[in-house]
Amino acid sequence: MPENIIIENCSPTLAGIKTGNLFSIDTAIVKDVHEELRELNGILSSKGLRAIPLKITDKKILIYLYRPKRLQADLESAEAKNILLQKGYRCSSIEEYIVNLIRHIHEDDCFPHEIGLFLGYPPVDVKGFMEDTRKGVKCTGYWKVYGDKEKAEKTFSRYKKCTDIYKKSFANGKRLSQMIVA
């Protein structure tokens, strides 16, 4: 799996400042997705991260790279649980939540907006987006903000700065394995 794609799309999660990231990769540049993910997870798991395919088509693979412990904490909030219950998630473990997310990705008519909870977005913003994507938007960055604009803008800035630093480090010869924060 090309390290530059992972760094471009997942630096905040690699750095430990974000719960998870999604990225798509063209199937033409992946020889064996399961073998390449096994190798990637060999690097990630010792640092508390994991990567799994959420959807595989003939042309693209949608991959979720995340921190299971941080996801557990995020999904334990009352607001997140309520959103997920309303969407039909009846789960007792992170693995079950992810299995349900995968099912929603494959079966729902549109992309499941609750995925924001799996990426570390504030539940108030996920809920606002689910209710009306245009009404009440205070700003837009990595996601649409319906709640705390100042906090979100600071977070966006941190994510951008982190990604810039990681991309520069990679360009200067650092390997992915050297840039993962435990």
Protein backbone atom coordinates (compact mmCIF):
# COMPACT_ATOMS: atom_id res chain seq x y z
CA MET A 1 0.00 0.00 0.00
CA PRO A 2 1.60 3.29 -1.05
CA GLU A 3 2.79 5.12 2.07
CA ASN A 4 2.37 8.53 0.44
CA ILE A 5 -1.39 7.97 0.07
CA ILE A 6 -1.71 6.95 3.72
CA ILE A 7 0.29 9.98 4.87
CA GLU A 8 -1.65 12.37 2.61
CA ASN A 9 -4.98 11.15 3.99
CA CYS A 10 -4.32 9.92 7.53
CA SER A 11 -1.62 12.07 9.14
CA PRO A 12 -3.80 13.37 12.01
CA THR A 13 -4.74 9.81 12.96
CA LEU A 14 -1.13 8.62 12.62
CA ALA A 15 -0.10 11.51 14.90
CA GLY A 16 -2.69 10.59 17.53
CA ILE A 17 -4.79 13.76 17.25
CA LYS A 18 -7.74 12.22 15.38
CA THR A 19 -9.81 9.06 15.84
CA GLY A 20 -9.83 7.90 12.25
CA ASN A 21 -9.55 8.72 8.57
CA LEU A 22 -10.97 7.32 5.36
CA PHE A 23 -9.12 7.04 2.10
CA SER A 24 -9.77 5.49 -1.27
CA ILE A 25 -7.17 3.72 -3.28
CA ASP A 26 -7.35 2.64 -6.89
CA THR A 27 -7.45 -1.15 -7.21
CA ALA A 28 -4.97 -0.91 -10.09
CA ILE A 29 -2.17 0.04 -7.68
CA VAL A 30 -2.94 -2.70 -5.15
CA LYS A 31 -1.85 -6.24 -5.97
CA ASP A 32 -3.58 -8.05 -3.08
CA VAL A 33 -5.60 -5.79 -0.79
CA HIS A 34 -5.83 -8.32 2.03
CA GLU A 35 -2.10 -9.08 2.00
CA GLU A 36 -1.20 -5.39 1.82
CA LEU A 37 -3.57 -4.58 4.69
CA ARG A 38 -2.02 -7.43 6.73
CA GLU A 39 1.40 -5.88 6.18
CA LEU A 40 0.11 -2.39 7.00
CA ASN A 41 -1.60 -3.64 10.16
CA GLY A 42 1.68 -5.27 11.16
CA ILE A 43 3.12 -1.76 11.31
CA LEU A 44 0.04 -0.10 12.80
CA SER A 45 -1.06 -2.55 15.48
CA SER A 46 1.95 -2.15 17.75
CA LYS A 47 1.14 1.58 17.89
CA GLY A 48 -2.56 1.10 18.62
CA LEU A 49 -3.96 1.63 15.12
CA ARG A 50 -5.81 -0.53 12.63
CA ALA A 51 -6.77 -0.36 8.95
CA ILE A 52 -9.70 -2.21 7.42
CA PRO A 53 -11.48 -2.16 4.06
CA LEU A 54 -15.01 -0.78 4.31
CA LYS A 55 -15.90 -1.35 0.66
CA ILE A 56 -14.15 -2.95 -2.27
CA THR A 57 -15.33 -2.41 -5.84
CA ASP A 58 -13.73 -3.20 -9.20
CA LYS A 59 -12.12 0.26 -9.27
CA LYS A 60 -11.72 1.51 -5.68
CA ILE A 61 -11.06 0.32 -2.16
CA LEU A 62 -12.40 2.43 0.71
CA ILE A 63 -10.13 2.00 3.74
CA TYR A 64 -10.75 3.08 7.32
CA LEU A 65 -7.60 3.72 9.38
CA TYR A 66 -8.40 4.28 13.04
CA ARG A 67 -7.44 4.12 16.70
CA PRO A 68 -9.72 1.52 18.35
CA LYS A 69 -9.33 2.86 21.91
CA ARG A 70 -10.12 6.39 20.84
CA LEU A 71 -13.10 5.17 18.77
CA GLN A 72 -14.38 3.28 21.82
CA ALA A 73 -14.26 6.49 23.88
CA ASP A 74 -15.92 8.54 21.12
CA LEU A 75 -18.79 6.10 20.66
CA GLU A 76 -19.43 5.86 24.42
CA SER A 77 -20.68 9.45 24.58
CA ALA A 78 -24.42 9.71 25.13
CA GLU A 79 -24.85 11.87 22.01
CA ALA A 80 -23.00 9.40 19.77
CA LYS A 81 -24.90 6.42 21.19
CA ASN A 82 -28.20 8.19 20.58
CA ILE A 83 -27.35 8.98 16.95
CA LEU A 84 -26.25 5.38 16.32
CA LEU A 85 -29.35 3.93 18.01
CA GLN A 86 -31.55 6.09 15.78
CA LYS A 87 -29.71 4.66 12.76
CA GLY A 88 -30.30 1.07 13.92
CA TYR A 89 -26.95 0.30 15.53
CA ARG A 90 -27.54 -2.10 18.44
CA CYS A 91 -23.99 -2.89 19.43
CA SER A 92 -21.93 -3.90 22.44
CA SER A 93 -18.45 -3.69 20.93
CA ILE A 94 -16.41 -1.54 18.55
CA GLU A 95 -16.19 -4.48 16.16
CA GLU A 96 -20.00 -4.71 16.03
CA TYR A 97 -20.28 -0.98 15.38
CA ILE A 98 -17.85 -1.30 12.47
CA VAL A 99 -19.68 -4.33 11.05
CA ASN A 100 -22.91 -2.30 11.19
CA LEU A 101 -21.19 0.66 9.51
CA ILE A 102 -19.98 -1.61 6.71
CA ARG A 103 -23.53 -2.97 6.31
CA HIS A 104 -24.90 0.59 6.06
CA ILE A 105 -22.25 1.50 3.47
CA HIS A 106 -23.28 -1.46 1.32
CA GLU A 107 -27.05 -1.38 1.83
CA ASP A 108 -28.13 2.24 2.33
CA ASP A 109 -29.25 4.37 -0.60
CA CYS A 110 -26.80 7.12 0.37
CA PHE A 111 -23.49 7.16 2.19
CA PRO A 112 -24.12 6.84 5.95
CA HIS A 113 -23.63 10.27 7.51
CA GLU A 114 -23.06 8.75 10.95
CA ILE A 115 -19.62 7.81 9.68
CA GLY A 116 -18.52 11.18 11.06
CA LEU A 117 -18.70 9.65 14.53
CA PHE A 118 -16.17 7.01 13.42
CA LEU A 119 -13.86 9.79 12.23
CA GLY A 120 -13.94 11.73 15.49
CA TYR A 121 -16.29 14.51 14.42
CA PRO A 122 -18.32 16.09 17.23
CA PRO A 123 -21.74 14.44 17.59
CA VAL A 124 -23.48 17.85 17.43
CA ASP A 125 -21.97 18.37 13.97
CA VAL A 126 -22.85 14.85 12.79
CA LYS A 127 -26.41 15.33 14.00
CA GLY A 128 -26.68 18.76 12.35
CA PHE A 129 -25.47 17.33 9.04
CA MET A 130 -27.90 14.42 9.26
CA GLU A 131 -30.84 16.72 9.95
CA ASP A 132 -30.14 19.27 7.19
CA THR A 133 -26.83 19.61 5.35
CA ARG A 134 -27.42 23.33 4.65
CA LYS A 135 -29.30 24.73 7.63
CA GLY A 136 -27.27 26.11 10.53
CA VAL A 137 -23.77 25.57 9.09
CA LYS A 138 -21.31 27.84 10.92
CA CYS A 139 -18.23 26.91 8.90
CA THR A 140 -16.81 24.17 6.72
CA GLY A 141 -13.44 22.48 6.85
CA TYR A 142 -12.76 18.78 7.33
CA TRP A 143 -16.48 18.55 8.07
CA LYS A 144 -19.48 20.92 8.28
CA VAL A 145 -19.68 22.60 11.66
CA TYR A 146 -23.04 23.16 13.36
CA GLY A 147 -21.70 23.50 16.91
CA ASP A 148 -18.51 25.10 18.25
CA LYS A 149 -17.04 27.06 15.31
CA GLU A 150 -13.91 28.30 17.12
CA LYS A 151 -12.96 24.86 18.41
CA ALA A 152 -13.54 23.32 14.99
CA GLU A 153 -11.41 25.95 13.22
CA LYS A 154 -8.56 25.27 15.66
CA THR A 155 -8.93 21.55 15.00
CA PHE A 156 -8.89 22.11 11.22
CA SER A 157 -5.71 24.14 11.59
CA ARG A 158 -4.06 21.39 13.67
CA TYR A 159 -5.02 18.74 11.10
CA LYS A 160 -3.64 20.81 8.23
CA LYS A 161 -0.41 21.61 10.06
CA CYS A 162 0.03 17.95 10.99
CA THR A 163 -0.53 16.80 7.41
CA ASP A 164 1.91 19.39 6.09
CA ILE A 165 4.59 18.28 8.58
CA TYR A 166 4.04 14.59 7.80
CA LYS A 167 4.16 15.14 4.04
CA LYS A 168 7.38 17.15 4.38
CA SER A 169 8.93 14.49 6.63
CA PHE A 170 7.99 11.77 4.15
CA ALA A 171 9.46 13.81 1.27
CA ASN A 172 12.66 14.09 3.31
CA GLY A 173 12.97 10.31 3.66
CA LYS A 174 11.05 9.37 6.80
CA ARG A 175 9.10 6.12 6.55
CA LEU A 176 5.49 5.66 7.62
CA SER A 177 6.57 3.38 10.47
CA GLN A 178 8.71 6.20 11.87
CA MET A 179 5.84 8.69 11.91
CA ILE A 180 3.23 6.76 13.89
CA VAL A 181 2.65 8.04 17.41
CA ALA A 182 1.71 5.35 19.93
